[in-house]
């Protein structure tokens, strides 16, 4: 990995960004998605769902969000207890 001397925090922040034409961008996005799925995996139930109303859909989405948050909290607690 190349070494780059940075003289300020602003230079360091700017060095993190890639232009949309940069050929390294797809790999950087893939690495970010892989890392996030390992750190905080989310479960989405398979299948197609029909809802009678928008409110019913919102309740379903909220229940799924809550289930994912609770699963993440259980993983964190288990990691702390190890």
N, C-alpha and C. Protein backbone atom coordinates (compact mmCIF):
# COMPACT_ATOMS: atom_id res chain seq x y z
N UNK A 1 0.85 -1.18 0.00
CA UNK A 1 0.00 0.00 0.00
C UNK A 1 0.89 1.24 0.00
N UNK A 2 0.62 2.17 -0.88
CA UNK A 2 1.48 3.36 -0.96
C UNK A 2 1.33 4.25 0.27
N UNK A 3 2.42 4.93 0.61
CA UNK A 3 2.44 5.85 1.74
C UNK A 3 2.21 7.25 1.21
N UNK A 4 1.39 8.00 1.90
CA UNK A 4 1.09 9.37 1.48
C UNK A 4 1.15 10.27 2.69
N UNK A 5 1.97 11.31 2.63
CA UNK A 5 2.11 12.24 3.75
C UNK A 5 1.00 13.29 3.66
N UNK A 6 0.25 13.43 4.76
CA UNK A 6 -0.84 14.39 4.83
C UNK A 6 -0.48 15.47 5.84
N UNK A 7 -0.74 16.70 5.49
CA UNK A 7 -0.34 17.81 6.34
C UNK A 7 -1.47 18.37 7.20
N UNK A 8 -2.69 17.95 6.94
CA UNK A 8 -3.81 18.46 7.73
C UNK A 8 -4.94 17.43 7.76
N UNK A 9 -5.86 17.64 8.68
CA UNK A 9 -7.02 16.77 8.76
C UNK A 9 -7.87 16.90 7.49
N UNK A 10 -7.94 18.09 6.94
CA UNK A 10 -8.70 18.31 5.70
C UNK A 10 -8.12 17.47 4.57
N UNK A 11 -6.81 17.41 4.45
CA UNK A 11 -6.18 16.57 3.43
C UNK A 11 -6.51 15.10 3.65
N UNK A 12 -6.54 14.69 4.91
CA UNK A 12 -6.87 13.29 5.23
C UNK A 12 -8.30 12.97 4.85
N UNK A 13 -9.22 13.87 5.14
CA UNK A 13 -10.62 13.66 4.78
C UNK A 13 -10.79 13.61 3.27
N UNK A 14 -10.12 14.50 2.56
CA UNK A 14 -10.22 14.53 1.10
C UNK A 14 -9.63 13.27 0.47
N UNK A 15 -8.61 12.68 1.11
CA UNK A 15 -7.96 11.49 0.58
C UNK A 15 -8.88 10.27 0.65
N UNK A 16 -9.89 10.30 1.50
CA UNK A 16 -10.80 9.17 1.63
C UNK A 16 -11.79 9.07 0.47
N UNK A 17 -12.08 10.16 -0.19
CA UNK A 17 -13.10 10.19 -1.23
C UNK A 17 -12.53 9.75 -2.56
N UNK A 18 -13.32 9.02 -3.32
CA UNK A 18 -12.96 8.61 -4.67
C UNK A 18 -13.91 9.28 -5.65
N UNK A 19 -13.39 9.70 -6.80
CA UNK A 19 -14.26 10.26 -7.84
C UNK A 19 -15.12 9.16 -8.43
N UNK A 20 -16.24 9.55 -8.98
CA UNK A 20 -17.14 8.53 -9.53
C UNK A 20 -16.54 7.83 -10.75
N UNK A 21 -15.52 8.41 -11.37
CA UNK A 21 -14.86 7.79 -12.51
C UNK A 21 -13.66 6.94 -12.10
N UNK A 22 -13.33 6.94 -10.82
CA UNK A 22 -12.18 6.19 -10.33
C UNK A 22 -12.44 4.68 -10.47
N UNK A 23 -11.55 3.95 -11.11
CA UNK A 23 -11.77 2.50 -11.29
C UNK A 23 -11.74 1.71 -9.98
N UNK A 24 -11.24 2.30 -8.90
CA UNK A 24 -11.22 1.62 -7.60
C UNK A 24 -12.55 1.72 -6.86
N UNK A 25 -13.45 2.56 -7.34
CA UNK A 25 -14.72 2.80 -6.65
C UNK A 25 -15.58 1.54 -6.48
N UNK A 26 -15.79 0.73 -7.52
CA UNK A 26 -16.61 -0.48 -7.31
C UNK A 26 -16.03 -1.42 -6.26
N UNK A 27 -14.72 -1.57 -6.25
CA UNK A 27 -14.09 -2.43 -5.23
C UNK A 27 -14.26 -1.85 -3.83
N UNK A 28 -14.15 -0.53 -3.71
CA UNK A 28 -14.32 0.12 -2.40
C UNK A 28 -15.77 -0.06 -1.91
N UNK A 29 -16.72 0.07 -2.80
CA UNK A 29 -18.14 -0.11 -2.43
C UNK A 29 -18.38 -1.56 -2.01
N UNK A 30 -17.83 -2.51 -2.78
CA UNK A 30 -17.99 -3.93 -2.48
C UNK A 30 -17.40 -4.25 -1.10
N UNK A 31 -16.21 -3.73 -0.81
CA UNK A 31 -15.58 -3.96 0.49
C UNK A 31 -16.43 -3.37 1.62
N UNK A 32 -16.98 -2.19 1.42
CA UNK A 32 -17.81 -1.55 2.43
C UNK A 32 -19.07 -2.38 2.69
N UNK A 33 -19.72 -2.85 1.63
CA UNK A 33 -20.93 -3.66 1.79
C UNK A 33 -20.61 -4.99 2.47
N UNK A 34 -19.48 -5.61 2.09
CA UNK A 34 -19.09 -6.86 2.73
C UNK A 34 -18.85 -6.67 4.23
N UNK A 35 -18.12 -5.61 4.57
CA UNK A 35 -17.83 -5.34 5.97
C UNK A 35 -19.12 -5.05 6.75
N UNK A 36 -20.01 -4.25 6.17
CA UNK A 36 -21.24 -3.91 6.89
C UNK A 36 -22.13 -5.14 7.06
N UNK A 37 -22.15 -6.03 6.08
CA UNK A 37 -22.98 -7.23 6.22
C UNK A 37 -22.39 -8.19 7.25
N UNK A 38 -21.07 -8.17 7.44
CA UNK A 38 -20.47 -8.99 8.49
C UNK A 38 -20.67 -8.37 9.87
N UNK A 39 -20.60 -7.05 9.97
CA UNK A 39 -20.73 -6.38 11.26
C UNK A 39 -22.18 -6.29 11.72
N UNK A 40 -23.09 -6.04 10.80
CA UNK A 40 -24.50 -5.87 11.17
C UNK A 40 -25.40 -6.50 10.13
N UNK A 41 -25.42 -7.83 10.06
CA UNK A 41 -26.26 -8.47 9.05
C UNK A 41 -27.75 -8.24 9.33
N UNK A 42 -28.49 -8.07 8.28
CA UNK A 42 -29.94 -7.86 8.39
C UNK A 42 -30.65 -9.04 7.74
N UNK A 43 -31.76 -9.42 8.32
CA UNK A 43 -32.57 -10.50 7.79
C UNK A 43 -33.80 -9.91 7.13
N UNK A 44 -34.05 -10.32 5.91
CA UNK A 44 -35.25 -9.92 5.20
C UNK A 44 -36.00 -11.19 4.85
N UNK A 45 -37.24 -11.35 5.31
CA UNK A 45 -37.97 -12.59 5.05
C UNK A 45 -38.19 -12.78 3.55
N UNK A 46 -37.99 -14.00 3.06
CA UNK A 46 -38.17 -14.24 1.63
C UNK A 46 -39.64 -14.19 1.24
N UNK A 47 -39.87 -13.96 -0.02
CA UNK A 47 -41.23 -14.00 -0.53
C UNK A 47 -41.78 -12.64 -0.91
N UNK A 48 -42.99 -12.67 -1.40
CA UNK A 48 -43.70 -11.46 -1.79
C UNK A 48 -44.88 -11.29 -0.84
N UNK A 49 -45.09 -10.11 -0.34
CA UNK A 49 -46.15 -9.85 0.63
C UNK A 49 -47.16 -8.87 0.05
N UNK A 50 -48.40 -9.12 0.35
CA UNK A 50 -49.47 -8.21 -0.05
C UNK A 50 -50.04 -7.58 1.22
N UNK A 51 -50.30 -6.31 1.17
CA UNK A 51 -50.83 -5.60 2.32
C UNK A 51 -52.15 -4.94 1.94
N UNK A 52 -53.04 -4.92 2.91
CA UNK A 52 -54.36 -4.32 2.67
C UNK A 52 -54.30 -2.80 2.71
N UNK A 53 -53.29 -2.28 3.42
CA UNK A 53 -53.19 -0.83 3.53
C UNK A 53 -51.73 -0.43 3.72
N UNK A 54 -51.47 0.84 3.54
CA UNK A 54 -50.14 1.37 3.77
C UNK A 54 -49.76 1.24 5.24
N UNK A 55 -50.71 1.41 6.11
CA UNK A 55 -50.46 1.28 7.56
C UNK A 55 -50.02 -0.14 7.91
N UNK A 56 -50.66 -1.15 7.30
CA UNK A 56 -50.26 -2.54 7.54
C UNK A 56 -48.83 -2.78 7.07
N UNK A 57 -48.46 -2.20 5.93
CA UNK A 57 -47.09 -2.30 5.41
C UNK A 57 -46.11 -1.64 6.36
N UNK A 58 -46.46 -0.48 6.89
CA UNK A 58 -45.59 0.22 7.83
C UNK A 58 -45.39 -0.60 9.11
N UNK A 59 -46.44 -1.24 9.60
CA UNK A 59 -46.32 -2.09 10.79
C UNK A 59 -45.38 -3.27 10.52
N UNK A 60 -45.52 -3.87 9.34
CA UNK A 60 -44.65 -4.97 8.94
C UNK A 60 -43.19 -4.52 8.89
N UNK A 61 -42.94 -3.38 8.23
CA UNK A 61 -41.58 -2.84 8.13
C UNK A 61 -41.00 -2.54 9.50
N UNK A 62 -41.81 -1.96 10.38
CA UNK A 62 -41.34 -1.62 11.73
C UNK A 62 -41.02 -2.89 12.51
N UNK A 63 -41.83 -3.93 12.36
CA UNK A 63 -41.56 -5.20 13.05
C UNK A 63 -40.25 -5.80 12.54
N UNK A 64 -40.01 -5.73 11.24
CA UNK A 64 -38.76 -6.25 10.68
C UNK A 64 -37.56 -5.43 11.18
N UNK A 65 -37.71 -4.11 11.19
CA UNK A 65 -36.63 -3.26 11.68
C UNK A 65 -36.32 -3.57 13.14
N UNK A 66 -37.37 -3.71 13.94
CA UNK A 66 -37.20 -4.01 15.36
C UNK A 66 -36.51 -5.37 15.55
N UNK A 67 -36.89 -6.37 14.75
CA UNK A 67 -36.28 -7.69 14.85
C UNK A 67 -34.79 -7.63 14.49
N UNK A 68 -34.45 -6.84 13.48
CA UNK A 68 -33.03 -6.71 13.10
C UNK A 68 -32.23 -5.99 14.18
N UNK A 69 -32.81 -4.96 14.79
CA UNK A 69 -32.12 -4.23 15.86
C UNK A 69 -31.93 -5.13 17.07
N UNK A 70 -32.95 -5.89 17.44
CA UNK A 70 -32.82 -6.79 18.58
C UNK A 70 -31.79 -7.88 18.33
N UNK A 71 -31.73 -8.40 17.11
CA UNK A 71 -30.73 -9.41 16.77
C UNK A 71 -29.32 -8.82 16.87
N UNK A 72 -29.16 -7.58 16.41
CA UNK A 72 -27.86 -6.92 16.51
C UNK A 72 -27.48 -6.70 17.98
N UNK A 73 -28.43 -6.30 18.81
CA UNK A 73 -28.14 -6.10 20.23
C UNK A 73 -27.75 -7.42 20.89
N UNK A 74 -28.41 -8.53 20.54
CA UNK A 74 -28.04 -9.84 21.09
C UNK A 74 -26.62 -10.21 20.69
N UNK A 75 -26.26 -9.96 19.42
CA UNK A 75 -24.89 -10.26 18.97
C UNK A 75 -23.87 -9.43 19.74
N UNK A 76 -24.18 -8.15 19.97
CA UNK A 76 -23.25 -7.30 20.72
C UNK A 76 -23.10 -7.76 22.16
N UNK A 77 -24.22 -8.12 22.80
CA UNK A 77 -24.16 -8.62 24.19
C UNK A 77 -23.36 -9.91 24.25
N UNK A 78 -23.56 -10.79 23.30
CA UNK A 78 -22.83 -12.07 23.29
C UNK A 78 -21.34 -11.81 23.08
N UNK A 79 -20.99 -10.85 22.28
CA UNK A 79 -19.58 -10.52 22.03
C UNK A 79 -18.94 -9.95 23.30
N UNK A 80 -19.70 -9.14 24.06
CA UNK A 80 -19.16 -8.57 25.30
C UNK A 80 -18.96 -9.62 26.37
N UNK A 81 -19.80 -10.66 26.36
CA UNK A 81 -19.73 -11.70 27.39
C UNK A 81 -18.65 -12.72 27.10
N UNK A 82 -18.02 -12.66 25.95
CA UNK A 82 -16.97 -13.64 25.61
C UNK A 82 -15.67 -13.25 26.22
